[in-house]
PDB file of N, CA and C in Angstrom:
ATOM      1  N   MET A   1      70.215  41.034 -23.457  1.00  0.00           N
ATOM      2  CA  MET A   1      70.802  42.244 -23.854  1.00  0.00           C
ATOM      3  C   MET A   1      71.082  42.240 -25.359  1.00  0.00           C
ATOM      4  N   LYS A   2      70.770  43.348 -25.998  1.00  0.00           N
ATOM      5  CA  LYS A   2      71.021  43.470 -27.440  1.00  0.00           C
ATOM      6  C   LYS A   2      72.486  43.810 -27.721  1.00  0.00           C
ATOM      7  N   LEU A   3      73.198  42.894 -28.399  1.00  0.00           N
ATOM      8  CA  LEU A   3      74.579  43.120 -28.739  1.00  0.00           C
ATOM      9  C   LEU A   3      74.681  43.578 -30.179  1.00  0.00           C
ATOM     10  N   PRO A   4      75.496  44.588 -30.503  1.00  0.00           N
ATOM     11  CA  PRO A   4      75.684  44.945 -31.906  1.00  0.00           C
ATOM     12  C   PRO A   4      76.416  43.936 -32.671  1.00  0.00           C
ATOM     13  N   SER A   5      75.948  43.616 -33.867  1.00  0.00           N
ATOM     14  CA  SER A   5      76.642  42.595 -34.750  1.00  0.00           C
ATOM     15  C   SER A   5      77.609  43.319 -35.630  1.00  0.00           C
ATOM     16  N   LYS A   6      77.484  44.600 -35.771  1.00  0.00           N
ATOM     17  CA  LYS A   6      78.416  45.359 -36.637  1.00  0.00           C
ATOM     18  C   LYS A   6      78.430  46.782 -36.150  1.00  0.00           C
ATOM     19  N   ILE A   7      79.668  47.337 -36.094  1.00  0.00           N
ATOM     20  CA  ILE A   7      79.847  48.718 -35.690  1.00  0.00           C
ATOM     21  C   ILE A   7      80.711  49.397 -36.706  1.00  0.00           C
ATOM     22  N   ASN A   8      80.219  50.501 -37.294  1.00  0.00           N
ATOM     23  CA  ASN A   8      81.004  51.243 -38.280  1.00  0.00           C
ATOM     24  C   ASN A   8      80.947  52.734 -37.880  1.00  0.00           C
ATOM     25  N   PHE A   9      82.172  53.367 -37.972  1.00  0.00           N
ATOM     26  CA  PHE A   9      82.186  54.836 -37.740  1.00  0.00           C
ATOM     27  C   PHE A   9      82.467  55.488 -39.108  1.00  0.00           C
ATOM     28  N   HIS A  10      81.627  56.410 -39.490  1.00  0.00           N
ATOM     29  CA  HIS A  10      81.762  57.154 -40.723  1.00  0.00           C
ATOM     30  C   HIS A  10      82.339  58.484 -40.339  1.00  0.00           C
ATOM     31  N   LYS A  11      83.635  58.685 -40.588  1.00  0.00           N
ATOM     32  CA  LYS A  11      84.386  59.836 -40.170  1.00  0.00           C
ATOM     33  C   LYS A  11      83.821  61.146 -40.788  1.00  0.00           C
ATOM     34  N   LYS A  12      83.569  61.125 -42.098  1.00  0.00           N
ATOM     35  CA  LYS A  12      83.130  62.329 -42.798  1.00  0.00           C
ATOM     36  C   LYS A  12      81.806  62.841 -42.220  1.00  0.00           C
ATOM     37  N   SER A  13      80.848  61.944 -42.058  1.00  0.00           N
ATOM     38  CA  SER A  13      79.539  62.363 -41.539  1.00  0.00           C
ATOM     39  C   SER A  13      79.485  62.376 -40.012  1.00  0.00           C
ATOM     40  N   GLN A  14      80.488  61.858 -39.334  1.00  0.00           N
ATOM     41  CA  GLN A  14      80.582  61.776 -37.899  1.00  0.00           C
ATOM     42  C   GLN A  14      79.387  60.981 -37.312  1.00  0.00           C
ATOM     43  N   MET A  15      79.060  59.867 -37.986  1.00  0.00           N
ATOM     44  CA  MET A  15      77.982  59.011 -37.598  1.00  0.00           C
ATOM     45  C   MET A  15      78.519  57.640 -37.129  1.00  0.00           C
ATOM     46  N   LEU A  16      78.036  57.157 -36.022  1.00  0.00           N
ATOM     47  CA  LEU A  16      78.371  55.863 -35.561  1.00  0.00           C
ATOM     48  C   LEU A  16      77.179  54.940 -35.958  1.00  0.00           C
ATOM     49  N   GLU A  17      77.448  53.950 -36.822  1.00  0.00           N
ATOM     50  CA  GLU A  17      76.397  53.073 -37.254  1.00  0.00           C
ATOM     51  C   GLU A  17      76.488  51.732 -36.514  1.00  0.00           C
ATOM     52  N   LEU A  18      75.328  51.305 -36.015  1.00  0.00           N
ATOM     53  CA  LEU A  18      75.277  50.084 -35.248  1.00  0.00           C
ATOM     54  C   LEU A  18      74.210  49.218 -35.906  1.00  0.00           C
ATOM     55  N   ALA A  19      74.591  47.949 -36.158  1.00  0.00           N
ATOM     56  CA  ALA A  19      73.664  46.956 -36.710  1.00  0.00           C
ATOM     57  C   ALA A  19      73.509  45.922 -35.591  1.00  0.00           C
ATOM     58  N   PHE A  20      72.298  45.422 -35.521  1.00  0.00           N
ATOM     59  CA  PHE A  20      72.024  44.394 -34.463  1.00  0.00           C
ATOM     60  C   PHE A  20      71.551  43.089 -35.125  1.00  0.00           C
ATOM     61  N   GLU A  21      71.687  41.983 -34.472  1.00  0.00           N
ATOM     62  CA  GLU A  21      71.303  40.681 -35.017  1.00  0.00           C
ATOM     63  C   GLU A  21      69.883  40.539 -35.422  1.00  0.00           C
ATOM     64  N   ASP A  22      68.972  41.399 -34.802  1.00  0.00           N
ATOM     65  CA  ASP A  22      67.609  41.314 -35.146  1.00  0.00           C
ATOM     66  C   ASP A  22      67.321  42.093 -36.437  1.00  0.00           C
ATOM     67  N   GLY A  23      68.342  42.644 -37.091  1.00  0.00           N
ATOM     68  CA  GLY A  23      68.137  43.308 -38.342  1.00  0.00           C
ATOM     69  C   GLY A  23      68.007  44.825 -38.271  1.00  0.00           C
ATOM     70  N   THR A  24      67.976  45.335 -37.089  1.00  0.00           N
ATOM     71  CA  THR A  24      67.839  46.797 -36.961  1.00  0.00           C
ATOM     72  C   THR A  24      69.246  47.480 -37.171  1.00  0.00           C
ATOM     73  N   HIS A  25      69.149  48.643 -37.782  1.00  0.00           N
ATOM     74  CA  HIS A  25      70.366  49.465 -38.015  1.00  0.00           C
ATOM     75  C   HIS A  25      70.023  50.841 -37.507  1.00  0.00           C
ATOM     76  N   ASN A  26      70.994  51.430 -36.800  1.00  0.00           N
ATOM     77  CA  ASN A  26      70.796  52.783 -36.289  1.00  0.00           C
ATOM     78  C   ASN A  26      72.114  53.579 -36.512  1.00  0.00           C
ATOM     79  N   SER A  27      71.917  54.860 -36.713  1.00  0.00           N
ATOM     80  CA  SER A  27      73.074  55.745 -36.812  1.00  0.00           C
ATOM     81  C   SER A  27      72.943  56.852 -35.755  1.00  0.00           C
ATOM     82  N   LEU A  28      74.014  57.046 -35.036  1.00  0.00           N
ATOM     83  CA  LEU A  28      74.013  58.044 -33.942  1.00  0.00           C
ATOM     84  C   LEU A  28      75.072  59.085 -34.245  1.00  0.00           C
ATOM     85  N   SER A  29      74.731  60.393 -34.226  1.00  0.00           N
ATOM     86  CA  SER A  29      75.694  61.416 -34.541  1.00  0.00           C
ATOM     87  C   SER A  29      76.643  61.652 -33.369  1.00  0.00           C
ATOM     88  N   ALA A  30      77.767  62.277 -33.686  1.00  0.00           N
ATOM     89  CA  ALA A  30      78.724  62.574 -32.651  1.00  0.00           C
ATOM     90  C   ALA A  30      78.117  63.514 -31.566  1.00  0.00           C
ATOM     91  N   GLU A  31      77.362  64.487 -32.053  1.00  0.00           N
ATOM     92  CA  GLU A  31      76.665  65.404 -31.110  1.00  0.00           C
ATOM     93  C   GLU A  31      75.701  64.679 -30.190  1.00  0.00           C
ATOM     94  N   PHE A  32      74.899  63.810 -30.765  1.00  0.00           N
ATOM     95  CA  PHE A  32      73.920  63.018 -29.964  1.00  0.00           C
ATOM     96  C   PHE A  32      74.608  62.172 -28.901  1.00  0.00           C
ATOM     97  N   LEU A  33      75.721  61.464 -29.331  1.00  0.00           N
ATOM     98  CA  LEU A  33      76.474  60.636 -28.396  1.00  0.00           C
ATOM     99  C   LEU A  33      77.147  61.499 -27.264  1.00  0.00           C
ATOM    100  N   ARG A  34      77.633  62.698 -27.677  1.00  0.00           N
ATOM    101  CA  ARG A  34      78.317  63.534 -26.667  1.00  0.00           C
ATOM    102  C   ARG A  34      77.330  64.105 -25.668  1.00  0.00           C
ATOM    103  N   VAL A  35      76.179  64.585 -26.097  1.00  0.00           N
ATOM    104  CA  VAL A  35      75.251  65.165 -25.125  1.00  0.00           C
ATOM    105  C   VAL A  35      74.516  64.081 -24.299  1.00  0.00           C
ATOM    106  N   HIS A  36      74.621  62.836 -24.732  1.00  0.00           N
ATOM    107  CA  HIS A  36      74.062  61.759 -23.954  1.00  0.00           C
ATOM    108  C   HIS A  36      75.129  60.822 -23.376  1.00  0.00           C
ATOM    109  N   SER A  37      76.291  61.375 -23.141  1.00  0.00           N
ATOM    110  CA  SER A  37      77.364  60.605 -22.573  1.00  0.00           C
ATOM    111  C   SER A  37      76.986  60.006 -21.265  1.00  0.00           C
ATOM    112  N   PRO A  38      77.353  58.728 -20.976  1.00  0.00           N
ATOM    113  CA  PRO A  38      77.054  58.110 -19.773  1.00  0.00           C
ATOM    114  C   PRO A  38      77.986  58.517 -18.621  1.00  0.00           C
ATOM    115  N   SER A  39      78.796  59.517 -18.848  1.00  0.00           N
ATOM    116  CA  SER A  39      79.794  59.945 -17.820  1.00  0.00           C
ATOM    117  C   SER A  39      79.155  60.698 -16.677  1.00  0.00           C
ATOM    118  N   ALA A  40      79.821  60.740 -15.568  1.00  0.00           N
ATOM    119  CA  ALA A  40      79.378  61.493 -14.385  1.00  0.00           C
ATOM    120  C   ALA A  40      79.328  62.987 -14.717  1.00  0.00           C
ATOM    121  N   GLU A  41      80.169  63.416 -15.635  1.00  0.00           N
ATOM    122  CA  GLU A  41      80.192  64.845 -15.963  1.00  0.00           C
ATOM    123  C   GLU A  41      78.842  65.277 -16.573  1.00  0.00           C
ATOM    124  N   VAL A  42      78.157  64.367 -17.318  1.00  0.00           N
ATOM    125  CA  VAL A  42      76.948  64.650 -17.976  1.00  0.00           C
ATOM    126  C   VAL A  42      75.798  64.153 -17.077  1.00  0.00           C
ATOM    127  N   ARG A  43      75.828  62.975 -16.611  1.00  0.00           N
ATOM    128  CA  ARG A  43      74.724  62.374 -15.877  1.00  0.00           C
ATOM    129  C   ARG A  43      74.713  62.774 -14.385  1.00  0.00           C
ATOM    130  N   GLY A  44      75.794  63.281 -13.867  1.00  0.00           N
ATOM    131  CA  GLY A  44      75.899  63.532 -12.489  1.00  0.00           C
ATOM    132  C   GLY A  44      76.081  62.306 -11.648  1.00  0.00           C
ATOM    133  N   HIS A  45      75.947  62.476 -10.334  1.00  0.00           N
ATOM    134  CA  HIS A  45      76.127  61.296  -9.457  1.00  0.00           C
ATOM    135  C   HIS A  45      74.776  60.882  -8.841  1.00  0.00           C
ATOM    136  N   GLY A  46      73.693  61.364  -9.395  1.00  0.00           N
ATOM    137  CA  GLY A  46      72.380  61.022  -8.903  1.00  0.00           C
ATOM    138  C   GLY A  46      71.300  61.819  -9.558  1.00  0.00           C
ATOM    139  N   ILE A  47      70.070  61.483  -9.321  1.00  0.00           N
ATOM    140  CA  ILE A  47      68.969  62.138  -9.979  1.00  0.00           C
ATOM    141  C   ILE A  47      68.964  63.628  -9.608  1.00  0.00           C
ATOM    142  N   GLY A  48      68.774  64.466 -10.644  1.00  0.00           N
ATOM    143  CA  GLY A  48      68.751  65.886 -10.464  1.00  0.00           C
ATOM    144  C   GLY A  48      70.150  66.526 -10.544  1.00  0.00           C
ATOM    145  N   GLN A  49      71.155  65.752 -10.724  1.00  0.00           N
ATOM    146  CA  GLN A  49      72.515  66.277 -10.873  1.00  0.00           C
ATOM    147  C   GLN A  49      72.994  66.296 -12.283  1.00  0.00           C
ATOM    148  N   GLU A  50      72.107  65.998 -13.266  1.00  0.00           N
ATOM    149  CA  GLU A  50      72.517  66.027 -14.652  1.00  0.00           C
ATOM    150  C   GLU A  50      72.956  67.396 -15.069  1.00  0.00           C
ATOM    151  N   LYS A  51      73.903  67.473 -15.975  1.00  0.00           N
ATOM    152  CA  LYS A  51      74.392  68.715 -16.493  1.00  0.00           C
ATOM    153  C   LYS A  51      74.085  68.780 -17.996  1.00  0.00           C
ATOM    154  N   LEU A  52      73.220  69.693 -18.357  1.00  0.00           N
ATOM    155  CA  LEU A  52      72.805  69.847 -19.774  1.00  0.00           C
ATOM    156  C   LEU A  52      74.077  70.308 -20.578  1.00  0.00           C
ATOM    157  N   GLN A  53      74.338  69.592 -21.624  1.00  0.00           N
ATOM    158  CA  GLN A  53      75.460  69.917 -22.519  1.00  0.00           C
ATOM    159  C   GLN A  53      74.970  70.889 -23.593  1.00  0.00           C
ATOM    160  N   VAL A  54      75.624  72.002 -23.710  1.00  0.00           N
ATOM    161  CA  VAL A  54      75.255  73.028 -24.700  1.00  0.00           C
ATOM    162  C   VAL A  54      76.453  73.256 -25.635  1.00  0.00           C
ATOM    163  N   GLY A  55      76.134  73.786 -26.834  1.00  0.00           N
ATOM    164  CA  GLY A  55      77.152  74.180 -27.763  1.00  0.00           C
ATOM    165  C   GLY A  55      77.899  73.032 -28.347  1.00  0.00           C
ATOM    166  N   LYS A  56      77.310  71.836 -28.528  1.00  0.00           N
ATOM    167  CA  LYS A  56      78.040  70.699 -28.973  1.00  0.00           C
ATOM    168  C   LYS A  56      77.738  70.308 -30.419  1.00  0.00           C
ATOM    169  N   SER A  57      77.130  71.206 -31.236  1.00  0.00           N
ATOM    170  CA  SER A  57      76.776  70.818 -32.607  1.00  0.00           C
ATOM    171  C   SER A  57      77.972  70.523 -33.499  1.00  0.00           C
ATOM    172  N   GLN A  58      79.105  71.099 -33.202  1.00  0.00           N
ATOM    173  CA  GLN A  58      80.318  70.899 -34.022  1.00  0.00           C
ATOM    174  C   GLN A  58      81.298  69.850 -33.488  1.00  0.00           C
ATOM    175  N   VAL A  59      80.921  69.217 -32.364  1.00  0.00           N
ATOM    176  CA  VAL A  59      81.862  68.237 -31.757  1.00  0.00           C
ATOM    177  C   VAL A  59      82.031  67.056 -32.701  1.00  0.00           C
ATOM    178  N   GLN A  60      83.229  66.548 -32.666  1.00  0.00           N
ATOM    179  CA  GLN A  60      83.562  65.432 -33.526  1.00  0.00           C
ATOM    180  C   GLN A  60      84.142  64.292 -32.703  1.00  0.00           C
ATOM    181  N   ILE A  61      84.013  63.092 -33.263  1.00  0.00           N
ATOM    182  CA  ILE A  61      84.608  61.875 -32.603  1.00  0.00           C
ATOM    183  C   ILE A  61      86.044  61.775 -33.193  1.00  0.00           C
ATOM    184  N   LEU A  62      87.027  61.745 -32.242  1.00  0.00           N
ATOM    185  CA  LEU A  62      88.369  61.626 -32.619  1.00  0.00           C
ATOM    186  C   LEU A  62      88.841  60.141 -32.622  1.00  0.00           C
ATOM    187  N   ASP A  63      88.268  59.341 -31.659  1.00  0.00           N
ATOM    188  CA  ASP A  63      88.705  58.002 -31.533  1.00  0.00           C
ATOM    189  C   ASP A  63      87.573  57.187 -30.882  1.00  0.00           C
ATOM    190  N   ILE A  64      87.526  55.916 -31.234  1.00  0.00           N
ATOM    191  CA  ILE A  64      86.629  54.984 -30.595  1.00  0.00           C
ATOM    192  C   ILE A  64      87.430  53.756 -30.233  1.00  0.00           C
ATOM    193  N   GLN A  65      87.389  53.437 -28.933  1.00  0.00           N
ATOM    194  CA  GLN A  65      88.192  52.278 -28.447  1.00  0.00           C
ATOM    195  C   GLN A  65      87.263  51.268 -27.795  1.00  0.00           C
ATOM    196  N   PRO A  66      87.486  49.994 -28.101  1.00  0.00           N
ATOM    197  CA  PRO A  66      86.699  48.986 -27.395  1.00  0.00           C
ATOM    198  C   PRO A  66      87.146  48.919 -25.889  1.00  0.00           C
ATOM    199  N   SER A  67      86.244  48.634 -25.037  1.00  0.00           N
ATOM    200  CA  SER A  67      86.508  48.475 -23.598  1.00  0.00           C
ATOM    201  C   SER A  67      86.097  47.055 -23.262  1.00  0.00           C
ATOM    202  N   GLY A  68      87.008  46.119 -23.320  1.00  0.00           N
ATOM    203  CA  GLY A  68      86.665  44.708 -23.185  1.00  0.00           C
ATOM    204  C   GLY A  68      85.686  44.283 -24.212  1.00  0.00           C
ATOM    205  N   ASN A  69      84.781  43.399 -23.882  1.00  0.00           N
ATOM    206  CA  ASN A  69      83.737  42.909 -24.834  1.00  0.00           C
ATOM    207  C   ASN A  69      82.408  43.515 -24.468  1.00  0.00           C
ATOM    208  N   TYR A  70      82.381  44.597 -23.729  1.00  0.00           N
ATOM    209  CA  TYR A  70      81.109  45.100 -23.225  1.00  0.00           C
ATOM    210  C   TYR A  70      80.806  46.556 -23.508  1.00  0.00           C
ATOM    211  N   ALA A  71      81.737  47.340 -24.014  1.00  0.00           N
ATOM    212  CA  ALA A  71      81.497  48.760 -24.169  1.00  0.00           C
ATOM    213  C   ALA A  71      82.453  49.383 -25.195  1.00  0.00           C
ATOM    214  N   LEU A  72      82.186  50.671 -25.466  1.00  0.00           N
ATOM    215  CA  LEU A  72      83.042  51.506 -26.275  1.00  0.00           C
ATOM    216  C   LEU A  72      83.398  52.757 -25.447  1.00  0.00           C
ATOM    217  N   LYS A  73      84.623  53.184 -25.620  1.00  0.00           N
ATOM    218  CA  LYS A  73      85.089  54.442 -25.029  1.00  0.00           C
ATOM    219  C   LYS A  73      85.221  55.403 -26.244  1.00  0.00           C
ATOM    220  N   ILE A  74      84.600  56.563 -26.205  1.00  0.00           N
ATOM    221  CA  ILE A  74      84.640  57.492 -27.297  1.00  0.00           C
ATOM    222  C   ILE A  74      85.365  58.765 -26.851  1.00  0.00           C
ATOM    223  N   VAL A  75      86.300  59.179 -27.653  1.00  0.00           N
ATOM    224  CA  VAL A  75      87.083  60.389 -27.461  1.00  0.00           C
ATOM    225  C   VAL A  75      86.557  61.497 -28.390  1.00  0.00           C
ATOM    226  N   PHE A  76      86.126  62.609 -27.783  1.00  0.00           N
ATOM    227  CA  PHE A  76      85.504  63.729 -28.563  1.00  0.00           C
ATOM    228  C   PHE A  76      86.477  64.861 -28.646  1.00  0.00           C
ATOM    229  N   SER A  77      86.243  65.689 -29.711  1.00  0.00           N
ATOM    230  CA  SER A  77      87.113  66.810 -30.017  1.00  0.00           C
ATOM    231  C   SER A  77      87.092  67.931 -28.920  1.00  0.00           C
ATOM    232  N   ASP A  78      86.149  67.924 -28.058  1.00  0.00           N
ATOM    233  CA  ASP A  78      86.114  68.978 -27.013  1.00  0.00           C
ATOM    234  C   ASP A  78      86.830  68.448 -25.744  1.00  0.00           C
ATOM    235  N   GLY A  79      87.541  67.334 -25.893  1.00  0.00           N
ATOM    236  CA  GLY A  79      88.361  66.818 -24.800  1.00  0.00           C
ATOM    237  C   GLY A  79      87.626  65.829 -23.934  1.00  0.00           C
ATOM    238  N   HIS A  80      86.298  65.630 -24.085  1.00  0.00           N
ATOM    239  CA  HIS A  80      85.557  64.678 -23.307  1.00  0.00           C
ATOM    240  C   HIS A  80      85.941  63.249 -23.728  1.00  0.00           C
ATOM    241  N   ASP A  81      86.265  62.424 -22.772  1.00  0.00           N
ATOM    242  CA  ASP A  81      86.629  61.067 -23.034  1.00  0.00           C
ATOM    243  C   ASP A  81      86.299  60.091 -21.842  1.00  0.00           C
ATOM    244  N   SER A  82      85.404  60.566 -20.991  1.00  0.00           N
ATOM    245  CA  SER A  82      85.033  59.692 -19.881  1.00  0.00           C
ATOM    246  C   SER A  82      83.626  59.125 -20.130  1.00  0.00           C
ATOM    247  N   GLY A  83      83.381  58.093 -19.471  1.00  0.00           N
ATOM    248  CA  GLY A  83      82.085  57.392 -19.674  1.00  0.00           C
ATOM    249  C   GLY A  83      82.195  56.265 -20.649  1.00  0.00           C
ATOM    250  N   LEU A  84      81.725  55.110 -20.326  1.00  0.00           N
ATOM    251  CA  LEU A  84      81.778  53.938 -21.205  1.00  0.00           C
ATOM    252  C   LEU A  84      80.384  53.697 -21.750  1.00  0.00           C
ATOM    253  N   TYR A  85      80.226  53.592 -23.051  1.00  0.00           N
ATOM    254  CA  TYR A  85      78.998  53.323 -23.698  1.00  0.00           C
ATOM    255  C   TYR A  85      78.840  51.816 -23.814  1.00  0.00           C
ATOM    256  N   ASP A  86      78.231  51.172 -22.813  1.00  0.00           N
ATOM    257  CA  ASP A  86      78.087  49.764 -22.861  1.00  0.00           C
ATOM    258  C   ASP A  86      76.966  49.360 -23.800  1.00  0.00           C
ATOM    259  N   TRP A  87      76.885  48.141 -24.225  1.00  0.00           N
ATOM    260  CA  TRP A  87      75.969  47.699 -25.212  1.00  0.00           C
ATOM    261  C   TRP A  87      74.499  47.979 -24.839  1.00  0.00           C
ATOM    262  N   LYS A  88      74.152  47.783 -23.568  1.00  0.00           N
ATOM    263  CA  LYS A  88      72.794  48.083 -23.130  1.00  0.00           C
ATOM    264  C   LYS A  88      72.470  49.556 -23.309  1.00  0.00           C
ATOM    265  N   TYR A  89      73.421  50.423 -22.935  1.00  0.00           N
ATOM    266  CA  TYR A  89      73.177  51.868 -23.082  1.00  0.00           C
ATOM    267  C   TYR A  89      73.087  52.311 -24.548  1.00  0.00           C
ATOM    268  N   LEU A  90      73.943  51.732 -25.395  1.00  0.00           N
ATOM    269  CA  LEU A  90      73.899  52.018 -26.823  1.00  0.00           C
ATOM    270  C   LEU A  90      72.596  51.550 -27.426  1.00  0.00           C
ATOM    271  N   ALA A  91      72.089  50.415 -27.031  1.00  0.00           N
ATOM    272  CA  ALA A  91      70.808  49.924 -27.508  1.00  0.00           C
ATOM    273  C   ALA A  91      69.702  50.822 -27.111  1.00  0.00           C
ATOM    274  N   HIS A  92      69.759  51.339 -25.865  1.00  0.00           N
ATOM    275  CA  HIS A  92      68.772  52.296 -25.340  1.00  0.00           C
ATOM    276  C   HIS A  92      68.846  53.596 -26.249  1.00  0.00           C
ATOM    277  N   LEU A  93      70.020  54.078 -26.492  1.00  0.00           N
ATOM    278  CA  LEU A  93      70.159  55.300 -27.344  1.00  0.00           C
ATOM    279  C   LEU A  93      69.592  55.078 -28.690  1.00  0.00           C
ATOM    280  N   CYS A  94      69.861  53.946 -29.304  1.00  0.00           N
ATOM    281  CA  CYS A  94      69.295  53.607 -30.601  1.00  0.00           C
ATOM    282  C   CYS A  94      67.747  53.522 -30.542  1.00  0.00           C
ATOM    283  N   ARG A  95      67.241  52.769 -29.627  1.00  0.00           N
ATOM    284  CA  ARG A  95      65.760  52.581 -29.497  1.00  0.00           C
ATOM    285  C   ARG A  95      65.024  53.883 -29.252  1.00  0.00           C
ATOM    286  N   ASP A  96      65.590  54.711 -28.396  1.00  0.00           N
ATOM    287  CA  ASP A  96      64.863  55.891 -27.941  1.00  0.00           C
ATOM    288  C   ASP A  96      65.447  57.216 -28.502  1.00  0.00           C
ATOM    289  N   GLN A  97      66.203  57.137 -29.561  1.00  0.00           N
ATOM    290  CA  GLN A  97      66.908  58.221 -30.143  1.00  0.00           C
ATOM    291  C   GLN A  97      65.974  59.419 -30.404  1.00  0.00           C
ATOM    292  N   ALA A  98      64.851  59.251 -31.093  1.00  0.00           N
ATOM    293  CA  ALA A  98      63.965  60.353 -31.430  1.00  0.00           C
ATOM    294  C   ALA A  98      63.466  61.043 -30.213  1.00  0.00           C
ATOM    295  N   SER A  99      62.964  60.303 -29.181  1.00  0.00           N
ATOM    296  CA  SER A  99      62.429  60.983 -28.020  1.00  0.00           C
ATOM    297  C   SER A  99      63.509  61.604 -27.136  1.00  0.00           C
ATOM    298  N   LEU A 100      64.663  60.991 -27.105  1.00  0.00           N
ATOM    299  CA  LEU A 100      65.796  61.590 -26.309  1.00  0.00           C
ATOM    300  C   LEU A 100      66.205  62.890 -26.989  1.00  0.00           C
ATOM    301  N   TRP A 101      66.223  62.932 -28.307  1.00  0.00           N
ATOM    302  CA  TRP A 101      66.684  64.120 -28.995  1.00  0.00           C
ATOM    303  C   TRP A 101      65.660  65.274 -28.777  1.00  0.00           C
ATOM    304  N   GLN A 102      64.364  64.945 -28.865  1.00  0.00           N
ATOM    305  CA  GLN A 102      63.349  65.978 -28.633  1.00  0.00           C
ATOM    306  C   GLN A 102      63.401  66.520 -27.208  1.00  0.00           C
ATOM    307  N   GLN A 103      63.651  65.636 -26.237  1.00  0.00           N
ATOM    308  CA  GLN A 103      63.748  66.054 -24.859  1.00  0.00           C
ATOM    309  C   GLN A 103      64.933  66.968 -24.690  1.00  0.00           C
ATOM    310  N   TYR A 104      66.030  66.635 -25.343  1.00  0.00           N
ATOM    311  CA  TYR A 104      67.279  67.457 -25.246  1.00  0.00           C
ATOM    312  C   TYR A 104      66.993  68.861 -25.828  1.00  0.00           C
ATOM    313  N   LEU A 105      66.363  68.921 -27.034  1.00  0.00           N
ATOM    314  CA  LEU A 105      66.094  70.195 -27.664  1.00  0.00           C
ATOM    315  C   LEU A 105      65.167  71.031 -26.801  1.00  0.00           C
ATOM    316  N   ALA A 106      64.165  70.380 -26.194  1.00  0.00           N
ATOM    317  CA  ALA A 106      63.212  71.101 -25.331  1.00  0.00           C
ATOM    318  C   ALA A 106      63.936  71.636 -24.067  1.00  0.00           C
ATOM    319  N   LYS A 107      64.871  70.915 -23.501  1.00  0.00           N
ATOM    320  CA  LYS A 107      65.614  71.422 -22.357  1.00  0.00           C
ATOM    321  C   LYS A 107      66.459  72.606 -22.747  1.00  0.00           C
ATOM    322  N   LEU A 108      67.143  72.523 -23.909  1.00  0.00           N
ATOM    323  CA  LEU A 108      67.920  73.642 -24.380  1.00  0.00           C
ATOM    324  C   LEU A 108      67.017  74.929 -24.534  1.00  0.00           C
ATOM    325  N   GLU A 109      65.900  74.708 -25.159  1.00  0.00           N
ATOM    326  CA  GLU A 109      64.941  75.858 -25.391  1.00  0.00           C
ATOM    327  C   GLU A 109      64.469  76.468 -24.062  1.00  0.00           C
ATOM    328  N   SER A 110      64.195  75.554 -23.096  1.00  0.00           N
ATOM    329  CA  SER A 110      63.658  76.047 -21.807  1.00  0.00           C
ATOM    330  C   SER A 110      64.607  76.919 -21.062  1.00  0.00           C
ATOM    331  N   ILE A 111      65.920  76.801 -21.345  1.00  0.00           N
ATOM    332  CA  ILE A 111      66.871  77.641 -20.609  1.00  0.00           C
ATOM    333  C   ILE A 111      67.485  78.675 -21.602  1.00  0.00           C
ATOM    334  N   GLY A 112      66.994  78.731 -22.812  1.00  0.00           N
ATOM    335  CA  GLY A 112      67.552  79.703 -23.782  1.00  0.00           C
ATOM    336  C   GLY A 112      68.934  79.403 -24.266  1.00  0.00           C
ATOM    337  N   ALA A 113      69.298  78.132 -24.230  1.00  0.00           N
ATOM    338  CA  ALA A 113      70.651  77.681 -24.670  1.00  0.00           C
ATOM    339  C   ALA A 113      70.591  77.251 -26.120  1.00  0.00           C
ATOM    340  N   SER A 114      71.761  76.988 -26.647  1.00  0.00           N
ATOM    341  CA  SER A 114      71.851  76.591 -28.099  1.00  0.00           C
ATOM    342  C   SER A 114      72.794  75.373 -28.240  1.00  0.00           C
ATOM    343  N   ARG A 115      72.495  74.731 -29.361  1.00  0.00           N
ATOM    344  CA  ARG A 115      73.354  73.563 -29.764  1.00  0.00           C
ATOM    345  C   ARG A 115      74.689  74.166 -30.320  1.00  0.00           C
ATOM    346  N   GLU A 116      74.654  75.371 -30.810  1.00  0.00           N
ATOM    347  CA  GLU A 116      75.796  75.985 -31.433  1.00  0.00           C
ATOM    348  C   GLU A 116      76.863  76.422 -30.420  1.00  0.00           C
ATOM    349  N   PRO A 117      78.117  76.232 -30.737  1.00  0.00           N
ATOM    350  CA  PRO A 117      79.173  76.685 -29.854  1.00  0.00           C
ATOM    351  C   PRO A 117      79.143  78.206 -29.738  1.00  0.00           C
ATOM    352  N   GLN A 118      79.470  78.751 -28.608  1.00  0.00           N
ATOM    353  CA  GLN A 118      79.525  80.182 -28.409  1.00  0.00           C
ATOM    354  C   GLN A 118      80.921  80.665 -28.640  1.00  0.00           C
ATOM    355  N   PHE A 119      81.090  81.592 -29.604  1.00  0.00           N
ATOM    356  CA  PHE A 119      82.352  82.154 -29.923  1.00  0.00           C
ATOM    357  C   PHE A 119      82.465  83.575 -29.356  1.00  0.00           C
ATOM    358  N   ILE A 120      83.586  83.917 -28.881  1.00  0.00           N
ATOM    359  CA  ILE A 120      83.830  85.264 -28.385  1.00  0.00           C
ATOM    360  C   ILE A 120      84.442  86.044 -29.510  1.00  0.00           C
ATOM    361  N   SER A 121      83.803  87.147 -29.857  1.00  0.00           N
ATOM    362  CA  SER A 121      84.300  87.993 -30.945  1.00  0.00           C
ATOM    363  C   SER A 121      85.456  88.843 -30.417  1.00  0.00           C
ATOM    364  N   ALA A 122      86.260  89.404 -31.297  1.00  0.00           N
ATOM    365  CA  ALA A 122      87.390  90.238 -30.969  1.00  0.00           C
ATOM    366  C   ALA A 122      86.882  91.480 -30.244  1.00  0.00           C
ATOM    367  N   THR A 123      85.732  91.964 -30.562  1.00  0.00           N
ATOM    368  CA  THR A 123      85.203  93.169 -29.911  1.00  0.00           C
ATOM    369  C   THR A 123      84.798  92.857 -28.464  1.00  0.00           C
ATOM    370  N   GLN A 124      84.410  91.646 -28.172  1.00  0.00           N
ATOM    371  CA  GLN A 124      84.018  91.304 -26.818  1.00  0.00           C
ATOM    372  C   GLN A 124      85.262  91.156 -25.938  1.00  0.00           C
ATOM    373  N   LEU A 125      86.402  90.967 -26.545  1.00  0.00           N
ATOM    374  CA  LEU A 125      87.670  90.799 -25.808  1.00  0.00           C
ATOM    375  C   LEU A 125      88.202  92.155 -25.327  1.00  0.00           C
ATOM    376  N   LYS A 126      87.751  93.251 -25.960  1.00  0.00           N
ATOM    377  CA  LYS A 126      88.323  94.611 -25.648  1.00  0.00           C
ATOM    378  C   LYS A 126      87.676  95.151 -24.421  1.00  0.00           C
TER     379      LYS A 126
END
């Protein structure tokens, strides 16, 4: 299993930077981490039960907490804080980031959804 040798969170850019002993460096955005959360809320409890996350482009990371020596717990600004990002899963996200992101964008497009949060205007409330 690939263990990170260095973990840095850049608050301003909302990027989690991971360096590995093999010399690879990866940066994962708050949005990417949120929409690929390992939680049951996102992944479901089995194949076909995944829930596509929409409107998460502005989500921020509020806190990152170690969970033992094997994972990180990430607290997001939309209240999501379940799911542990273990080292194996983080390595997978780093390795397959480009293809995972393209798959996510394609799924959004296929259902006519957006990365942008949906705001209700004052006129819609009347």
